C-alpha cells in the first residue's frame, strides 16, 4: 500500500508527463501562443481546471459501479497499461513538434475548453489510469486523494503554462533538443507506469481466481 506522499509523487510525475507531451491541448496551447502571445496560451493551459470537473465526476460515477468487481478493475488496469505503452512509444518516437497555425480571432479559453472536451486523452486517462489510482488513494485516506489530484493538476497545468511562456519568448524552443529529449525520456516513465498497472491487474486477477 502506498503512503500519502507517494500519491503526491505519482500525481506530480503523471501530471508533468501529461503536461509536456504532444496532444490536442498542447498543440492548441502552442498555436494560441504563437498567434496571440503567451497570455492566450495560458488561457488554454488552464482550461482543464474547468472541464475536468465534469469529466472526472462522470467517470468516477461510472467506475464506482465496478469498484467491488476485481475482474473488471483488472481489465481496466490492463487497458491502462496498454494506453501507457502507447503513450510511451509515441513519446520515444517524437522527432519534431508539428503545429498547424491558422490565424483566427482570439477566443483562447473557449477553444481550450472545447479541445479538452473533445479530446479522448482526459477520458482515457481517468478511466484507465487516474480513476483506479484515486480509488487506491481513497482506501488510504482522503488526504492521499487530495495530494494526488493537487500534484497532478499543478504539474499538468503548470507545465503547459511554462511552455506557453517560453514559446512566447522564443519560438525556437519547440525545435530544441532539450525539449525533444525530455519528451523521449518521459516515454520511459510511461512504460515504467505501464508495468505497475500490469502488476496491479495480475494481482486482481489472482484474487478473482
Foldseek 3Di string as FASTA:
>chain_A
DDDLVVLLVVLQLQLQLLQLADDQLLLLLLQLCVQPNLVLSLLLLCLCVPQVVVLLVVLLVVCVVCPVPLLVLLVLLLLLLVVLLVQLVVLQPDQADDHDHDHDDRPRNVVSNVSVVPTCVVNSCCRRPVVVSLVVQVVNPVSSNVSNNVSNSCNNSVSSSVVSNVCSVPVCVRNDPVSSVVSNVSSVVSNVVSVVSNVSSVVSVVVVD
